[in-house]
Structures are given as structure tokens and as C-alpha cells.
Amino acid sequence: MLLKNPVTIVFDPSNKVHRAAVHALLKRKTWAETSLRFKHDPEYGSVADQVRAKLLLWYVEQEEARGMKRAKRVA
């Protein structure tokens, strides 16, 4: 029997499908609901830690961008 390594992709928090996969992970505590497999960045302890951290940073950046747009409208 031959074992194949799953095809892995780089996690992109701006990709809606990637965010949905992480949402399922956070909700169900398993990757079973998605066929996506993300590459592990050795800077992080695990893929789950990696996607959580990157997703949180992405959401913070989105909020900051919205805040800047609001500030421009008010000014």
C-alpha cells in the first residue's frame, strides 16, 4: 500500500474558503469538514495555531482599515 502526502496550500486569510475551513475547525475542533490542508509554517507550533494567529491579524487589519475609512468620511 502506498501512502500519499496530502496536497497542502498556504493559508490565505483573505480567501473566503480558507476562512470557512478555519471557522469549521474552531466550531468543531476538527479538520474533518474540509478537504483543505494548509502548509505548516515552522514559526508556529501547529497549523491550528498558525491559522488562528494569521486570521486574527487579518481581522484586526480589516478593522483598522474600516476605522481609517470612517475617519476620512468624518474629516
Protein backbone atom coordinates (compact mmCIF):
# COMPACT_ATOMS: atom_id res chain seq x y z
CA MET A 1 0.00 0.00 0.00
CA LEU A 2 1.34 3.40 -0.98
CA LEU A 3 0.71 6.37 1.25
CA LYS A 4 0.40 9.77 -0.36
CA ASN A 5 1.18 13.03 1.30
CA PRO A 6 -1.84 15.31 1.08
CA VAL A 7 -1.53 18.36 -1.13
CA THR A 8 -1.02 21.37 1.10
CA ILE A 9 -1.66 25.03 0.38
CA VAL A 10 -0.56 28.25 2.00
CA PHE A 11 -3.22 29.66 4.30
CA ASP A 12 -4.60 32.95 2.98
CA PRO A 13 -6.95 34.68 5.44
CA SER A 14 -8.31 36.91 2.68
CA ASN A 15 -9.66 33.79 0.93
CA LYS A 16 -13.26 33.19 1.98
CA VAL A 17 -12.95 29.40 1.54
CA HIS A 18 -9.88 29.32 3.79
CA ARG A 19 -11.72 31.35 6.45
CA ALA A 20 -14.67 28.95 6.26
CA ALA A 21 -12.33 26.00 6.84
CA VAL A 22 -10.90 27.67 9.94
CA HIS A 23 -14.40 28.56 11.14
CA ALA A 24 -15.30 24.86 10.94
CA LEU A 25 -12.11 23.99 12.86
CA LEU A 26 -12.91 26.46 15.62
CA LYS A 27 -16.51 25.29 15.85
CA ARG A 28 -15.98 21.53 15.67
CA LYS A 29 -12.35 21.21 16.87
CA THR A 30 -11.52 19.06 13.82
CA TRP A 31 -10.37 19.48 10.23
CA ALA A 32 -12.73 16.68 9.13
CA GLU A 33 -15.23 19.03 7.49
CA THR A 34 -12.75 20.36 4.95
CA SER A 35 -10.52 18.81 2.33
CA LEU A 36 -8.11 21.74 2.57
CA ARG A 37 -4.74 21.05 4.13
CA PHE A 38 -2.61 24.04 4.98
CA LYS A 39 1.19 24.11 4.94
CA HIS A 40 2.77 24.37 8.36
CA ASP A 41 4.88 27.46 8.97
CA PRO A 42 7.58 26.38 11.45
CA GLU A 43 7.27 29.77 13.14
CA TYR A 44 4.10 28.39 14.76
CA GLY A 45 3.63 25.35 16.98
CA SER A 46 0.90 23.81 14.84
CA VAL A 47 -1.20 24.51 11.78
CA ALA A 48 -4.17 25.27 14.04
CA ASP A 49 -2.14 27.87 15.99
CA GLN A 50 -0.84 29.30 12.73
CA VAL A 51 -4.24 29.83 11.09
CA ARG A 52 -5.74 31.25 14.29
CA ALA A 53 -2.93 33.80 14.62
CA LYS A 54 -2.95 34.78 10.95
CA LEU A 55 -6.72 35.03 10.87
CA LEU A 56 -6.80 37.20 13.98
CA LEU A 57 -4.18 39.53 12.49
CA TRP A 58 -6.18 39.72 9.24
CA TYR A 59 -9.37 40.66 11.10
CA VAL A 60 -7.52 43.32 13.10
CA GLU A 61 -6.14 44.78 9.87
CA GLN A 62 -9.66 44.81 8.39
CA GLU A 63 -10.98 46.71 11.42
CA GLU A 64 -8.13 49.22 11.22
CA ALA A 65 -8.84 49.78 7.52
CA ARG A 66 -12.52 50.37 8.28
CA GLY A 67 -11.57 52.80 11.03
CA MET A 68 -9.42 54.77 8.61
CA LYS A 69 -12.27 54.93 6.08
CA ARG A 70 -14.63 56.20 8.79
CA ALA A 71 -12.11 58.82 9.90
CA LYS A 72 -11.77 60.09 6.31
CA ARG A 73 -15.56 60.41 5.99
CA VAL A 74 -15.80 62.38 9.22
CA ALA A 75 -12.89 64.71 8.40
